[in-house]
Amino acid sequence: MKVKAAVTREKGKLAIETVELAEPKAGEVLVKMVASGICHTDTAVIEQYLPVTFPVVAGHEGVGIVEKVGPGVTSLKAGDRVVLTFPSCGTCAHCEEAHPYSCDDNFTMLFGGKFRDGTTRMTTGDGKNVGTMFMQSSFATYAIATEDNAIKVDVDADDLKKLCSLGCGVQTGAGAVLNRMKPRPGSSIAIFGCGAVGLAGIMAAKISGCSTIIAIHGSKGREEALAFGATHTINGRKEDTVARVKEITGGKGVNYALESSGQPPLAVTMLQCMAKEGLAVTVSVTAGAEVPVALEPLIMNPSVSFAGCVEGHSNPKVFIPEMVRLWKEGKLPVDKMNKYYKFDEIEKAFEESHTGGVLKPILVF
């Protein structure tokens, strides 16, 4: 079938084209896209910071309605509303332990450009195979996804577009807190970076019952942080972050911290802000940046743990429905971060995202 897709043929450029989309194969589903979020990982693909092969269609925060299922699909049917997320092999030891975020084939499945059978599902008008991202490529009017990365959700069709970020950005930030840290009620936490991922972490910290939630950001974002549940803010460009955190916590430091900005020097600052037996988690890094190995804070405070976290330590089949429940209860108001764009405004959406003019751009088809 012919569909519209935002195709990247060369570094840094994309254009909406008509492409041919194949039928779903075994274990796959055809999804009529309703909307797709834009995430910094999409930029990493389009700018080729990641080793992807062009042409490719990016997009990995899609939501839509299942239109057709391939052979062997049992958990989804036509008409189901789904949030698209990251795929996993389902057979490695990590997947069998319900830890799909640690799948042995994780990187290849996300950025290798092909489905499990080693082929693609899109073809350009001039006959070139188009690579996939996250086995969904949601910057298109229709997408082929897999049964395991299309998560059925119980929401009205009109609400689907509000929940795009559950597939990656919010899953990353909220999951880092709820699944990786699991903060104790009454504990303290610092969130470095107040973009969509960091704000999701703030919402999750509030859900967890943290009594002190410190948001560290630059000139923008701190007001939004307060609105989403932060109890204190620090302007990291103008204030001494470590001194302010110690002041707020009575000299002890924070029990938990999340670094979501992707700026390696902040990982060092984060470790210097930790209380004894604290847990510091990082979820991203800027492409091409040199990551310092900061041993001094760990030597001086040896009971601190420093950990990475991919896709919120999440099992999407469990965690995405849980996030939907929290959203329905008003505890995870992710839609308040959204700004909506028509599909043909995709370049404007990316531009406003890069300049900080919008927290979470959403393309609506």
Protein backbone atom coordinates (compact mmCIF):
# COMPACT_ATOMS: atom_id res chain seq x y z
CA MET A 1 0.00 0.00 0.00
CA LYS A 2 1.10 3.58 -0.61
CA VAL A 3 1.63 5.75 2.48
CA LYS A 4 3.16 9.10 3.33
CA ALA A 5 6.41 9.02 5.28
CA ALA A 6 9.12 11.48 6.34
CA VAL A 7 12.15 9.98 4.60
CA THR A 8 15.75 10.89 5.45
CA ARG A 9 18.00 10.27 2.45
CA GLU A 10 20.99 12.30 3.62
CA LYS A 11 22.33 13.57 6.91
CA GLY A 12 20.20 16.23 8.56
CA LYS A 13 17.43 16.31 5.98
CA LEU A 14 13.99 14.79 5.70
CA ALA A 15 11.11 15.13 3.26
CA ILE A 16 7.60 13.73 3.16
CA GLU A 17 7.37 11.22 0.31
CA THR A 18 4.97 8.57 -0.94
CA VAL A 19 6.45 5.15 -0.21
CA GLU A 20 5.27 1.57 -0.60
CA LEU A 21 4.55 -0.25 2.66
CA ALA A 22 4.51 -4.05 2.64
CA GLU A 23 1.93 -6.27 4.32
CA PRO A 24 2.63 -7.37 7.90
CA LYS A 25 4.55 -10.62 8.13
CA ALA A 26 4.41 -13.24 10.88
CA GLY A 27 4.33 -11.63 14.31
CA GLU A 28 3.73 -8.15 12.89
CA VAL A 29 0.85 -5.68 12.77
CA LEU A 30 -0.18 -2.87 10.45
CA VAL A 31 -0.97 0.29 12.43
CA LYS A 32 -2.83 3.32 11.15
CA MET A 33 -0.90 6.09 12.85
CA VAL A 34 -2.78 8.70 14.85
CA ALA A 35 0.24 10.66 16.09
CA SER A 36 3.94 10.43 16.88
CA GLY A 37 6.12 12.22 19.36
CA ILE A 38 9.48 13.70 18.41
CA CYS A 39 12.41 12.74 20.63
CA HIS A 40 16.11 13.61 20.66
CA THR A 41 16.85 10.06 19.56
CA ASP A 42 15.07 10.85 16.29
CA THR A 43 17.52 13.70 15.80
CA ALA A 44 20.40 11.31 16.50
CA VAL A 45 19.16 9.09 13.67
CA ILE A 46 18.48 11.89 11.19
CA GLU A 47 21.85 13.54 11.90
CA GLN A 48 23.53 10.12 11.75
CA TYR A 49 25.03 10.43 15.21
CA LEU A 50 24.04 6.77 15.37
CA PRO A 51 25.34 4.38 12.70
CA VAL A 52 22.16 4.14 10.64
CA THR A 53 21.98 3.54 6.90
CA PHE A 54 20.03 5.92 4.68
CA PRO A 55 17.35 6.16 3.47
CA VAL A 56 15.51 5.72 6.75
CA VAL A 57 12.21 6.76 8.29
CA ALA A 58 12.66 7.81 11.91
CA GLY A 59 10.02 8.03 14.62
CA HIS A 60 9.67 5.79 17.68
CA GLU A 61 6.95 7.35 19.85
CA GLY A 62 3.97 6.37 17.72
CA VAL A 63 0.36 5.76 18.71
CA GLY A 64 -2.33 4.40 16.47
CA ILE A 65 -5.00 1.82 15.74
CA VAL A 66 -4.28 -1.70 14.55
CA GLU A 67 -5.69 -2.19 11.07
CA LYS A 68 -4.40 -5.68 10.23
CA VAL A 69 -2.45 -8.44 11.95
CA GLY A 70 0.04 -10.84 10.42
CA PRO A 71 0.16 -14.63 10.85
CA GLY A 72 0.62 -15.86 14.39
CA VAL A 73 -0.43 -12.65 16.15
CA THR A 74 -2.68 -13.55 19.10
CA SER A 75 -2.57 -10.63 21.55
CA LEU A 76 -3.74 -7.90 19.15
CA LYS A 77 -6.59 -7.53 16.69
CA ALA A 78 -7.90 -4.94 14.25
CA GLY A 79 -9.32 -1.95 16.10
CA ASP A 80 -7.00 -2.17 19.10
CA ARG A 81 -5.47 1.13 20.21
CA VAL A 82 -1.74 0.84 20.72
CA VAL A 83 1.29 2.73 21.97
CA LEU A 84 4.41 1.80 20.00
CA THR A 85 7.63 1.35 21.93
CA PHE A 86 11.00 -0.42 21.71
CA PRO A 87 11.21 -4.00 20.40
CA SER A 88 13.02 -6.95 21.96
CA CYS A 89 13.88 -10.45 20.79
CA GLY A 90 11.82 -12.26 23.42
CA THR A 91 14.19 -15.23 23.55
CA CYS A 92 17.47 -14.14 25.17
CA ALA A 93 18.03 -14.63 28.90
CA HIS A 94 17.21 -11.00 29.68
CA CYS A 95 13.92 -11.10 27.78
CA GLU A 96 12.97 -14.40 29.41
CA GLU A 97 13.53 -12.72 32.79
CA ALA A 98 11.12 -9.91 31.74
CA HIS A 99 14.01 -7.45 31.30
CA PRO A 100 13.53 -6.53 27.61
CA TYR A 101 15.44 -3.25 28.07
CA SER A 102 18.59 -5.39 28.38
CA CYS A 103 17.83 -7.54 25.32
CA ASP A 104 20.99 -8.97 23.76
CA ASP A 105 19.90 -7.64 20.36
CA ASN A 106 18.79 -4.26 21.68
CA PHE A 107 20.96 -1.93 19.61
CA THR A 108 20.55 -3.84 16.37
CA MET A 109 16.78 -3.98 16.74
CA LEU A 110 16.54 -0.26 17.50
CA PHE A 111 18.93 1.12 14.90
CA GLY A 112 19.88 -1.70 12.54
CA GLY A 113 17.21 -0.62 10.07
CA LYS A 114 15.70 -4.06 9.48
CA PHE A 115 13.10 -6.37 10.93
CA ARG A 116 13.85 -9.76 12.46
CA ASP A 117 13.94 -11.50 9.08
CA GLY A 118 16.67 -9.14 7.87
CA THR A 119 14.45 -7.20 5.47
CA THR A 120 12.70 -3.82 5.44
CA ARG A 121 9.01 -3.00 4.97
CA MET A 122 9.17 0.32 3.10
CA THR A 123 10.32 1.06 -0.45
CA THR A 124 10.78 4.50 -2.01
CA GLY A 125 9.28 5.51 -5.33
CA ASP A 126 12.69 5.03 -6.96
CA GLY A 127 12.97 1.48 -5.64
CA LYS A 128 15.25 1.90 -2.62
CA ASN A 129 14.65 -0.07 0.56
CA VAL A 130 13.93 2.23 3.51
CA GLY A 131 15.38 1.41 6.91
CA THR A 132 13.19 1.18 9.98
CA MET A 133 13.75 2.69 13.44
CA PHE A 134 12.71 0.78 16.57
CA MET A 135 10.85 -1.56 14.19
CA GLN A 136 8.09 1.02 13.81
CA SER A 137 9.23 4.17 11.93
CA SER A 138 6.30 6.18 13.20
CA PHE A 139 6.93 9.30 11.07
CA ALA A 140 4.44 7.88 8.57
CA THR A 141 0.70 7.63 8.07
CA TYR A 142 0.90 3.83 8.48
CA ALA A 143 3.55 1.67 10.13
CA ILE A 144 4.49 -1.96 10.49
CA ALA A 145 5.26 -2.84 14.11
CA THR A 146 5.78 -6.11 15.94
CA GLU A 147 3.39 -7.79 18.33
CA ASP A 148 5.76 -7.16 21.23
CA ASN A 149 6.35 -3.42 20.66
CA ALA A 150 2.72 -2.48 19.97
CA ILE A 151 1.20 -2.21 23.44
CA LYS A 152 -2.59 -2.30 23.72
CA VAL A 153 -4.01 0.51 25.85
CA ASP A 154 -7.49 1.20 27.16
CA VAL A 155 -8.09 4.81 26.11
CA ASP A 156 -10.50 6.65 23.86
CA ALA A 157 -9.30 7.19 20.30
CA ASP A 158 -9.34 10.95 20.88
CA ASP A 159 -6.90 10.56 23.78
CA LEU A 160 -4.29 8.52 21.93
CA LYS A 161 -2.38 11.53 20.63
CA LYS A 162 -1.89 12.73 24.21
CA LEU A 163 0.11 9.62 25.12
CA CYS A 164 2.83 9.37 22.44
CA SER A 165 5.64 10.03 24.90
CA LEU A 166 4.78 6.94 26.95
CA GLY A 167 6.57 4.89 24.30
CA CYS A 168 10.00 6.37 25.00
CA GLY A 169 10.57 9.77 26.64
CA VAL A 170 8.19 9.49 29.57
CA GLN A 171 8.89 5.78 29.89
CA THR A 172 12.59 6.68 30.21
CA GLY A 173 12.18 9.41 32.83
CA ALA A 174 9.33 7.98 34.87
CA GLY A 175 10.71 4.47 34.63
CA ALA A 176 14.16 5.52 35.84
CA VAL A 177 12.48 6.68 39.03
CA LEU A 178 9.66 4.17 39.49
CA ASN A 179 11.45 1.05 38.21
CA ARG A 180 15.18 1.68 38.72
CA MET A 181 15.32 3.84 41.85
CA LYS A 182 12.04 2.98 43.60
CA PRO A 183 12.41 5.90 46.04
CA ARG A 184 11.29 5.62 49.63
CA PRO A 185 8.42 7.92 50.63
CA GLY A 186 9.84 11.01 52.31
CA SER A 187 13.19 10.73 50.54
CA SER A 188 14.97 13.41 48.51
CA ILE A 189 15.77 13.47 44.80
CA ALA A 190 17.51 15.80 42.36
CA ILE A 191 16.55 15.89 38.68
CA PHE A 192 19.18 17.29 36.31
CA GLY A 193 17.53 18.59 33.14
CA CYS A 194 13.91 19.68 32.82
CA GLY A 195 13.04 18.51 29.33
CA ALA A 196 10.34 15.92 28.78
CA VAL A 197 12.43 13.10 30.29
CA GLY A 198 13.37 15.10 33.38
CA LEU A 199 9.83 16.35 33.91
CA ALA A 200 8.59 12.77 33.70
CA GLY A 201 11.10 11.95 36.43
CA ILE A 202 9.71 14.78 38.54
CA MET A 203 6.15 13.50 38.11
CA ALA A 204 7.32 10.01 39.09
CA ALA A 205 9.16 11.35 42.15
CA LYS A 206 5.94 13.01 43.28
CA ILE A 207 4.03 9.77 42.71
CA SER A 208 6.66 7.96 44.82
CA GLY A 209 6.13 10.33 47.73
CA CYS A 210 9.51 12.07 47.66
CA SER A 211 9.30 15.03 50.03
CA THR A 212 12.17 16.99 48.48
CA ILE A 213 12.26 17.18 44.68
CA ILE A 214 15.01 19.46 43.38
CA ALA A 215 14.98 20.44 39.70
CA ILE A 216 18.27 21.64 38.20
CA HIS A 217 18.14 23.35 34.82
CA GLY A 218 19.32 26.41 32.94
CA SER A 219 17.36 29.55 32.28
CA LYS A 220 14.27 27.71 31.04
CA GLY A 221 12.26 24.82 32.40
CA ARG A 222 12.35 25.47 36.12
CA GLU A 223 8.86 27.02 36.16
CA GLU A 224 7.50 23.93 34.41
CA ALA A 225 9.34 21.77 36.94
CA LEU A 226 7.50 23.44 39.80
CA ALA A 227 4.20 22.97 38.02
CA PHE A 228 4.86 19.23 37.64
CA GLY A 229 5.85 18.66 41.27
CA ALA A 230 9.32 20.01 42.06
CA THR A 231 9.66 21.52 45.53
CA HIS A 232 12.84 23.47 44.74
CA THR A 233 14.65 24.69 41.64
CA ILE A 234 18.27 25.56 40.96
CA ASN A 235 19.58 27.55 38.02
CA GLY A 236 22.56 25.40 37.16
CA ARG A 237 24.15 28.13 35.05
CA LYS A 238 24.11 30.80 37.75
CA GLU A 239 24.14 28.96 41.07
CA ASP A 240 26.56 26.56 42.75
CA THR A 241 24.51 23.41 42.29
CA VAL A 242 26.32 21.26 44.85
CA ALA A 243 26.22 23.95 47.53
CA ARG A 244 22.52 24.63 46.93
CA VAL A 245 21.61 20.93 47.07
CA LYS A 246 23.50 20.54 50.34
CA GLU A 247 21.78 23.67 51.69
CA ILE A 248 18.32 22.37 50.77
CA THR A 249 19.01 18.94 52.29
CA GLY A 250 20.58 20.16 55.52
CA GLY A 251 24.08 19.25 54.40
CA LYS A 252 23.30 15.60 53.67
CA GLY A 253 22.81 15.56 49.92
CA VAL A 254 20.03 13.77 48.07
CA ASN A 255 19.07 10.12 48.35
CA TYR A 256 18.44 9.80 44.61
CA ALA A 257 19.37 11.71 41.48
CA LEU A 258 18.53 11.51 37.78
CA GLU A 259 20.71 13.02 35.05
CA SER A 260 18.53 13.45 31.96
CA SER A 261 20.25 16.27 30.08
CA GLY A 262 22.91 14.17 28.35
CA GLN A 263 25.69 16.54 29.45
CA PRO A 264 28.58 14.43 30.85
CA PRO A 265 29.97 17.08 33.26
CA LEU A 266 26.63 17.04 35.07
CA ALA A 267 27.16 13.39 35.94
CA VAL A 268 30.14 14.47 38.05
CA THR A 269 28.09 17.23 39.66
CA MET A 270 25.32 14.74 40.35
CA LEU A 271 27.67 12.42 42.21
CA GLN A 272 28.91 15.32 44.33
CA CYS A 273 25.29 15.98 45.38
CA MET A 274 24.63 12.50 46.74
CA ALA A 275 23.91 11.51 50.30
CA LYS A 276 25.46 8.40 51.80
CA GLU A 277 24.00 5.22 50.28
CA GLY A 278 22.43 7.33 47.55
CA LEU A 279 21.62 6.11 44.04
CA ALA A 280 22.54 8.26 41.03
CA VAL A 281 21.13 7.28 37.62
CA THR A 282 21.94 8.58 34.16
CA VAL A 283 19.75 7.94 31.12
CA SER A 284 21.45 9.70 28.21
CA VAL A 285 24.62 11.23 26.82
CA THR A 286 25.22 13.80 24.10
CA ALA A 287 26.57 12.30 20.87
CA GLY A 288 30.33 12.69 20.55
CA ALA A 289 30.82 13.92 24.10
CA GLU A 290 33.68 12.68 26.24
CA VAL A 291 32.38 11.10 29.42
CA PRO A 292 34.62 11.77 32.43
CA VAL A 293 35.29 8.96 34.87
CA ALA A 294 34.69 10.70 38.17
CA LEU A 295 36.23 8.53 40.86
CA GLU A 296 36.76 11.16 43.55
CA PRO A 297 33.06 11.55 44.52
CA LEU A 298 32.76 7.76 44.73
CA ILE A 299 35.96 7.40 46.77
CA MET A 300 34.94 10.16 49.18
CA ASN A 301 31.41 8.76 49.45
CA PRO A 302 31.93 5.04 48.72
CA SER A 303 28.41 3.91 49.58
CA VAL A 304 26.98 5.84 46.60
CA SER A 305 25.83 3.80 43.60
CA PHE A 306 26.07 5.12 40.03
CA ALA A 307 23.98 3.37 37.40
CA GLY A 308 22.79 3.65 33.84
CA CYS A 309 19.21 3.08 32.83
CA VAL A 310 17.80 2.24 29.38
CA GLU A 311 14.14 2.80 28.48
CA GLY A 312 13.22 3.27 32.11
CA HIS A 313 14.16 -0.28 33.17
CA SER A 314 10.75 -1.06 31.75
CA ASN A 315 8.81 -4.08 30.65
CA PRO A 316 6.49 -2.12 28.32
CA LYS A 317 3.68 -4.67 28.42
CA VAL A 318 3.39 -3.96 32.14
CA PHE A 319 4.67 -0.41 32.53
CA ILE A 320 2.86 1.35 29.67
CA PRO A 321 -0.60 0.26 30.90
CA GLU A 322 0.50 1.31 34.40
CA MET A 323 1.46 4.77 33.10
CA VAL A 324 -1.92 5.00 31.36
CA ARG A 325 -3.60 4.26 34.69
CA LEU A 326 -1.56 6.97 36.41
CA TRP A 327 -2.44 9.39 33.59
CA LYS A 328 -6.16 8.65 33.98
CA GLU A 329 -5.83 9.33 37.72
CA GLY A 330 -4.22 12.70 37.00
CA LYS A 331 -0.90 11.67 38.56
CA LEU A 332 1.11 11.58 35.32
CA PRO A 333 -0.17 14.56 33.28
CA VAL A 334 2.16 14.00 30.34
CA ASP A 335 -0.18 15.67 27.86
CA LYS A 336 0.48 19.03 29.51
CA MET A 337 3.95 18.94 27.93
CA ASN A 338 2.60 18.48 24.40
CA LYS A 339 2.40 20.85 21.47
CA TYR A 340 0.66 19.48 18.39
CA TYR A 341 1.72 19.89 14.76
CA LYS A 342 0.33 18.71 11.45
CA PHE A 343 2.48 16.08 9.74
CA ASP A 344 3.60 18.53 7.07
CA GLU A 345 4.88 20.83 9.84
CA ILE A 346 7.49 18.26 10.87
CA GLU A 347 10.47 20.53 10.13
CA LYS A 348 8.93 23.31 12.22
CA ALA A 349 8.34 20.84 15.04
CA PHE A 350 11.99 19.75 15.02
CA GLU A 351 13.19 23.35 14.91
CA GLU A 352 11.07 24.41 17.88
CA SER A 353 12.19 21.34 19.78
CA HIS A 354 15.87 22.15 19.18
CA THR A 355 15.48 25.78 20.24
CA GLY A 356 13.68 24.83 23.45
CA GLY A 357 10.42 26.39 22.38
CA VAL A 358 8.43 23.24 23.07
CA LEU A 359 8.77 20.41 25.57
CA LYS A 360 7.22 17.57 23.58
CA PRO A 361 6.31 18.09 19.92
CA ILE A 362 3.60 15.76 18.64
CA LEU A 363 2.92 15.14 14.95
CA VAL A 364 -0.75 14.45 14.22
CA PHE A 365 -1.65 12.54 11.06
